[in-house]
Protein backbone atom coordinates (compact mmCIF):
# COMPACT_ATOMS: atom_id res chain seq x y z
CA MET A 1 5.91 34.85 37.84
CA ARG A 2 8.53 32.14 37.39
CA SER A 3 8.14 29.36 34.83
CA PRO A 4 5.86 26.90 36.64
CA CYS A 5 7.01 23.43 37.61
CA ILE A 6 3.40 22.20 37.70
CA GLU A 7 0.69 23.28 35.26
CA ILE A 8 -2.98 22.40 35.65
CA HIS A 9 -5.25 23.54 32.81
CA ASP A 10 -8.62 22.17 33.82
CA SER A 11 -10.67 21.02 36.78
CA CYS A 12 -11.73 17.38 36.76
CA PHE A 13 -15.50 17.85 36.69
CA SER A 14 -17.89 20.76 36.33
CA ASP A 15 -21.41 20.62 34.92
CA ARG A 16 -22.33 24.14 35.97
CA HIS A 17 -25.55 23.30 37.79
CA PHE A 18 -26.68 23.33 41.38
CA TYR A 19 -28.32 20.42 43.18
CA SER A 20 -30.85 20.35 45.97
CA HIS A 21 -29.11 19.21 49.14
CA SER A 22 -32.13 17.30 50.39
CA SER A 23 -33.24 15.51 47.23
CA GLY A 24 -30.38 15.58 44.76
CA THR A 25 -32.64 17.23 42.18
CA ARG A 26 -30.77 19.08 39.47
CA LEU A 27 -31.63 22.79 39.48
CA PRO A 28 -31.00 25.65 37.08
CA GLN A 29 -27.86 27.60 37.77
CA ASN A 30 -28.11 29.83 40.85
CA ALA A 31 -31.45 28.31 41.91
CA ALA A 32 -32.45 27.43 45.46
CA ILE A 33 -35.57 25.60 46.62
CA ASP A 34 -34.69 24.16 50.02
CA GLY A 35 -32.46 26.83 51.46
CA LYS A 36 -29.30 24.87 50.77
CA VAL A 37 -27.93 24.17 47.33
CA GLU A 38 -24.63 22.69 46.27
CA GLN A 39 -22.88 22.56 42.94
CA THR A 40 -21.07 19.91 40.99
CA GLN A 41 -17.85 21.66 40.24
CA THR A 42 -14.44 20.85 41.58
CA SER A 43 -11.26 22.73 42.19
CA ALA A 44 -8.20 22.01 40.12
CA PHE A 45 -5.90 21.38 43.10
CA GLU A 46 -6.87 20.18 46.56
CA VAL A 47 -4.79 20.31 49.72
CA GLY A 48 -5.22 19.25 53.33
CA ARG A 49 -3.37 18.22 56.48
CA LEU A 50 -0.12 19.85 55.45
CA THR A 51 2.79 20.28 57.84
CA ASP A 52 6.11 22.00 57.01
CA CYS A 53 5.15 22.16 53.33
CA ASP A 54 6.39 24.52 50.61
CA LEU A 55 3.98 24.69 47.67
CA ASN A 56 5.58 26.73 44.89
CA ASN A 57 5.82 27.31 41.14
CA ILE A 58 2.29 26.17 40.27
CA LEU A 59 0.09 27.47 37.44
CA ILE A 60 -3.65 26.74 37.67
CA GLU A 61 -5.83 27.72 34.72
CA THR A 62 -9.47 26.64 34.55
CA TYR A 63 -11.25 29.45 32.73
CA LEU A 64 -10.34 28.31 29.20
CA VAL A 65 -11.92 24.86 29.48
CA ARG A 66 -14.65 23.74 31.91
CA GLY A 67 -13.98 26.20 34.68
CA GLY A 68 -13.89 25.46 38.38
CA GLY A 69 -12.05 26.74 41.41
CA GLY A 70 -8.30 26.94 41.87
CA ILE A 71 -7.01 25.56 45.19
CA ALA A 72 -9.35 24.19 47.87
CA VAL A 73 -9.18 22.17 51.08
CA VAL A 74 -10.02 18.53 50.48
CA GLU A 75 -11.87 17.80 53.75
CA TYR A 76 -14.15 20.77 53.21
CA LEU A 77 -14.94 19.57 49.69
CA THR A 78 -16.03 16.20 51.05
CA THR A 79 -18.77 18.03 52.92
CA GLN A 80 -19.54 20.57 50.21
CA TYR A 81 -20.17 18.15 47.36
CA GLU A 82 -22.26 15.50 49.11
CA ASN A 83 -25.41 16.47 47.23
CA TYR A 84 -27.67 13.51 47.78
CA GLY A 85 -28.91 13.78 51.34
CA ILE A 86 -25.77 12.31 52.93
CA PRO A 87 -25.05 14.19 56.16
CA GLY A 88 -21.92 16.28 55.81
CA ARG A 89 -19.15 15.59 58.27
CA GLN A 90 -17.17 18.21 60.12
CA ALA A 91 -14.12 19.58 58.33
CA LEU A 92 -10.96 18.27 59.98
CA SER A 93 -8.18 19.71 57.91
CA TYR A 94 -5.19 21.80 58.96
CA ILE A 95 -2.21 23.53 57.40
CA TYR A 96 0.76 24.05 59.72
CA ASN A 97 4.06 25.90 59.18
CA SER A 98 3.59 26.01 55.41
CA THR A 99 4.18 28.43 52.53
CA PHE A 100 2.31 29.04 49.28
CA ARG A 101 4.53 30.94 46.85
CA TYR A 102 4.84 31.60 43.13
CA ILE A 103 1.34 30.27 42.54
CA LYS A 104 -0.71 31.74 39.69
CA THR A 105 -4.42 31.04 39.36
CA GLN A 106 -6.67 32.01 36.46
CA VAL A 107 -10.15 30.72 37.23
CA ASP A 108 -13.47 31.33 35.52
CA GLY A 109 -16.07 33.90 36.55
CA PHE A 110 -18.72 31.43 37.69
CA MET A 111 -20.48 32.53 40.86
CA SER A 112 -19.37 29.74 43.08
CA TRP A 113 -21.55 29.58 46.21
CA ASP A 114 -24.31 31.23 48.24
CA SER A 115 -26.83 30.42 45.48
CA GLY A 116 -24.45 31.90 42.95
CA SER A 117 -23.91 35.33 44.48
CA SER A 118 -20.20 35.10 45.33
CA PRO A 119 -17.28 35.11 42.89
CA GLN A 120 -15.27 32.05 41.99
CA MET A 121 -12.56 31.00 44.44
CA ALA A 122 -8.94 31.18 43.28
CA CYS A 123 -7.61 29.77 46.55
CA GLU A 124 -10.08 28.66 49.22
CA LEU A 125 -8.49 27.76 52.54
CA TYR A 126 -11.90 27.31 54.09
CA GLN A 127 -12.89 25.46 57.25
CA CYS A 128 -9.42 24.33 58.21
CA GLU A 129 -7.02 25.34 60.95
CA LEU A 130 -4.09 27.51 59.86
CA PHE A 131 -0.95 27.81 61.96
CA ASN A 132 1.97 29.96 60.77
CA VAL A 133 0.98 30.02 57.10
CA VAL A 134 2.54 32.39 54.53
CA ILE A 135 1.05 33.17 51.10
CA THR A 136 3.54 35.20 49.10
CA LEU A 137 4.54 36.18 45.56
CA CYS A 138 1.32 34.79 44.11
CA GLU A 139 -0.98 36.04 41.32
CA PHE A 140 -4.74 35.61 41.56
CA ASN A 141 -7.59 36.62 39.28
CA SER A 142 -10.25 35.98 41.89
CA VAL A 143 -10.86 35.42 45.58
CA LEU A 144 -8.37 34.27 48.19
CA SER A 145 -10.66 32.89 50.89
CA LEU A 146 -9.23 32.81 54.40
CA ALA A 147 -12.56 32.06 56.05
CA THR A 148 -10.92 29.50 58.30
CA SER A 149 -12.23 27.77 61.37
CA SER A 150 -9.27 29.14 63.31
CA ASN A 151 -5.68 30.20 62.97
CA ARG A 152 -3.69 29.99 66.17
CA GLY A 153 -0.44 31.28 64.72
CA ASN A 154 0.30 34.14 62.37
CA LEU A 155 -1.18 34.20 58.88
CA GLU A 156 0.67 36.39 56.36
CA VAL A 157 -0.22 37.41 52.80
CA SER A 158 2.51 39.42 51.08
CA PHE A 159 3.69 40.60 47.65
CA CYS A 160 0.63 39.17 45.90
CA ARG A 161 -1.27 40.62 42.95
CA TRP A 162 -4.93 40.42 41.98
CA GLN A 163 -6.01 41.20 38.42
CA GLY A 164 -8.88 39.86 36.32
CA VAL A 165 -8.35 37.96 33.08
CA ILE A 166 -12.04 37.90 32.04
CA PRO A 167 -13.79 41.16 30.99
CA ASN A 168 -15.88 42.61 33.83
CA GLN A 169 -15.02 39.67 36.04
CA PRO A 170 -16.49 40.11 39.54
CA PHE A 171 -14.03 39.24 42.26
CA TYR A 172 -12.51 40.52 45.47
CA SER A 173 -9.09 39.92 46.86
CA ILE A 174 -9.49 38.57 50.38
CA GLU A 175 -12.45 37.07 52.17
CA CYS A 176 -11.62 36.48 55.79
CA ASN A 177 -12.84 35.70 59.24
CA THR A 178 -9.34 35.01 60.45
CA ASN A 179 -7.49 36.38 63.47
CA ASN A 180 -3.93 37.68 63.68
CA THR A 181 -3.58 38.15 59.94
CA VAL A 182 -1.21 40.55 58.16
CA VAL A 183 -1.62 41.54 54.49
CA HIS A 184 1.10 43.76 53.06
CA HIS A 185 2.80 44.91 49.84
CA CYS A 186 0.01 43.60 47.60
CA SER A 187 -1.86 45.14 44.65
CA PHE A 188 -5.49 44.84 43.62
CA LEU A 189 -6.40 45.95 40.10
CA GLY A 190 -10.07 45.92 39.10
CA GLY A 191 -12.66 43.67 40.67
CA SER A 192 -15.20 44.38 43.36
CA TYR A 193 -14.70 45.18 47.04
CA PRO A 194 -11.14 44.23 47.93
CA ILE A 195 -11.40 43.25 51.61
CA TYR A 196 -14.42 41.41 52.99
CA ALA A 197 -14.75 40.18 56.57
CA SER A 198 -17.77 38.58 58.15
CA GLY A 199 -16.65 36.32 60.97
CA ALA A 200 -14.02 36.46 63.68
CA ASN A 201 -14.46 38.92 66.52
CA SER A 202 -11.06 38.77 68.18
CA GLY A 203 -7.44 39.25 67.28
CA THR A 204 -6.21 41.79 64.72
CA PHE A 205 -6.35 42.06 60.96
CA THR A 206 -3.62 44.30 59.52
CA VAL A 207 -3.43 45.71 55.98
CA HIS A 208 -0.51 47.95 55.04
CA SER A 209 1.50 49.04 52.00
CA TYR A 210 -1.28 47.87 49.67
CA LEU A 211 -2.27 49.41 46.31
CA PHE A 212 -6.03 49.40 45.61
CA ASP A 213 -7.01 50.41 42.07
CA THR A 214 -10.71 49.56 41.89
CA PRO A 215 -12.82 51.09 39.12
CA ASN A 216 -16.02 49.30 40.10
CA GLU A 217 -18.85 50.57 42.27
CA SER A 218 -17.96 48.99 45.56
CA PRO A 219 -16.64 49.85 49.01
CA ILE A 220 -12.93 49.36 49.53
CA ILE A 221 -13.61 47.55 52.79
CA ASN A 222 -16.75 45.58 53.59
CA TRP A 223 -16.13 44.81 57.26
CA LYS A 224 -18.94 43.03 59.06
CA ALA A 225 -16.75 41.66 61.86
CA ALA A 226 -15.74 43.25 65.12
CA THR A 227 -12.12 42.19 64.64
CA LYS A 228 -9.66 45.02 65.23
CA LEU A 229 -8.53 46.49 61.89
CA ARG A 230 -5.14 48.15 61.37
CA PHE A 231 -5.17 49.82 57.93
CA TYR A 232 -2.18 52.03 57.21
CA ASN A 233 0.25 53.21 54.48
CA ASN A 234 -2.13 52.15 51.69
CA THR A 235 -2.87 53.93 48.40
CA ILE A 236 -6.48 53.75 47.21
CA PHE A 237 -7.79 54.80 43.79
CA SER A 238 -11.50 54.49 43.21
CA ASN A 239 -14.29 55.45 40.84
CA SER A 240 -16.86 54.33 43.34
CA ASN A 241 -19.74 56.56 44.39
CA ILE A 242 -20.81 53.95 46.93
CA THR A 243 -21.35 55.15 50.47
CA PRO A 244 -20.05 54.25 52.91
CA PHE A 245 -16.75 53.92 51.07
CA LEU A 246 -15.37 52.04 54.07
CA ASP A 247 -18.31 49.90 55.16
CA PHE A 248 -18.18 48.77 58.78
CA SER A 249 -21.91 48.06 59.08
CA GLY A 250 -22.04 49.29 62.66
CA THR A 251 -19.36 46.87 63.91
CA GLU A 252 -16.47 49.27 64.46
CA ASN A 253 -13.90 48.09 66.98
CA PRO A 254 -12.75 50.90 69.31
CA GLY A 255 -9.17 49.84 68.57
CA ASN A 256 -9.40 50.35 64.79
CA LEU A 257 -6.66 52.44 63.19
CA ILE A 258 -7.00 53.82 59.65
CA VAL A 259 -3.97 56.07 59.32
CA ASN A 260 -1.38 57.36 56.85
CA ASN A 261 -3.37 56.34 53.75
CA ILE A 262 -3.88 58.12 50.42
CA PHE A 263 -7.48 58.21 49.15
CA VAL A 264 -7.91 59.32 45.52
CA LYS A 265 -11.32 59.79 43.87
CA LEU A 266 -10.93 59.35 40.11
CA ASN A 267 -14.27 60.31 38.62
CA SER A 268 -17.30 62.56 39.00
CA PRO A 269 -19.52 63.24 40.78
CA ARG A 270 -17.33 64.15 43.70
CA PRO A 271 -18.93 63.58 47.09
CA SER A 272 -19.69 66.74 49.03
CA THR A 273 -18.96 67.22 52.68
CA SER A 274 -22.60 66.53 53.46
CA GLN A 275 -22.31 63.24 51.52
CA ASN A 276 -19.15 62.17 53.27
CA PRO A 277 -18.47 58.54 52.29
CA PHE A 278 -16.18 57.93 55.27
CA LYS A 279 -18.87 57.08 57.79
CA ILE A 280 -16.44 56.14 60.52
CA THR A 281 -16.54 57.17 64.15
CA VAL A 282 -13.15 55.92 65.38
CA GLY A 283 -9.60 55.45 64.20
CA LEU A 284 -9.46 57.69 61.09
CA ASN A 285 -6.39 59.88 61.35
CA ASN A 286 -3.56 61.49 59.38
CA ASN A 287 -4.70 60.52 55.86
CA LEU A 288 -4.40 62.37 52.53
CA TYR A 289 -7.61 63.02 50.54
CA TYR A 290 -7.75 64.02 46.87
CA GLN A 291 -11.20 64.84 45.45
CA PHE A 292 -12.70 63.37 48.60
CA PRO A 293 -13.93 65.58 51.47
CA LYS A 294 -11.79 65.29 54.57
CA PRO A 295 -13.79 63.73 57.41
CA SER A 296 -14.08 65.95 60.46
CA ILE A 297 -12.78 63.22 62.78
CA ASP A 298 -9.47 63.12 60.86
CA ILE A 299 -7.96 66.05 62.74
CA THR A 300 -4.45 65.69 61.28
CA GLY A 301 -5.54 64.64 57.78
CA ILE A 302 -4.81 66.85 54.77
CA ILE A 303 -6.35 67.57 51.36
CA GLY A 304 -4.02 67.60 48.38
CA LYS A 305 -3.04 66.02 45.08
CA PRO A 306 -0.57 63.19 45.56
CA VAL A 307 2.43 63.28 43.26
CA PHE A 308 3.77 59.92 42.13
CA VAL A 309 6.96 58.96 40.34
CA ASN A 310 5.11 57.82 37.19
CA SER A 311 1.43 57.07 37.63
CA SER A 312 0.88 56.37 33.90
CA ALA A 313 3.30 53.46 34.25
CA LYS A 314 1.69 52.36 37.53
CA ASP A 315 4.70 53.52 39.52
CA TYR A 316 2.93 54.86 42.58
CA ARG A 317 5.95 55.60 44.70
CA LEU A 318 5.72 59.10 46.10
CA ALA A 319 7.77 61.66 44.23
CA SER A 320 9.91 64.25 45.92
CA GLY A 321 7.71 67.02 47.27
CA SER A 322 4.54 64.94 47.26
CA PRO A 323 2.13 65.94 50.04
CA GLY A 324 1.79 62.22 50.70
CA LYS A 325 5.17 62.37 52.40
CA LEU A 326 3.65 64.69 54.99
CA ILE A 327 1.45 61.89 56.32
CA GLY A 328 4.22 59.34 56.48
CA THR A 329 3.17 56.93 53.71
């Protein structure tokens, strides 16, 4: 991370309570009485209606003071924080031909929405239209939300890193219902399930050359959308005994490809063949499994111990002679 040109060390307001949307009544944290609750917390930095913009060298740090989100879309916030019975208006924002780079966010662990069941947002590009947006060389300690209303051009996330700064902080890397998105050369250390999708049912979501090192009990992918997933050349370390390890919730796209990945189980108990955590019916092919059973549908997959250049120093490049080279990662 470069020395930041802009530093923001607090959000402007956060009283850590939820409010009834219909009456404005202050509720205990994480409470819900009318099916819709909102909270009085802000993000530290708000964006909207950007065209040909380069946002770079920004440090956002909220967890040491009052907390709050990192980056959010201003038009969405207008709707989100109208807590006193005022009808919310439709989000109108957009971000076109813009880049987010060298941005570091360190937000608190407050559960930020859905009655307090979802982690805090580090960067929430929610309910806005994205067109040719690149997010690169950034560091996050919580969620990058790409649950956009649409993205007509390409959306790229590259060379980013996720790592918690608060002990046992719950977070995941990317929440998405976006189309035509590519995530590559990123790393995810700690946290909960790394990739979560719940919305879009067209286009393609591609994840490649990604390091997942997730000690928590969670699936690597929680994929509740029918969007086509291309998942290849990734290295996955996990302590999780959760099944299914790749959770598609019955929404598998026939065009899914999960190929040339390395899956490493770190702890006991090891799943048996009869407890196969890879409950996938299509697209699983040519992967390397260590201390995981090889799924029967992965005809060209192999079982073996991957050999890395220096795993103790987090150098997970494949060493000479590693069986991982046999699958093309």
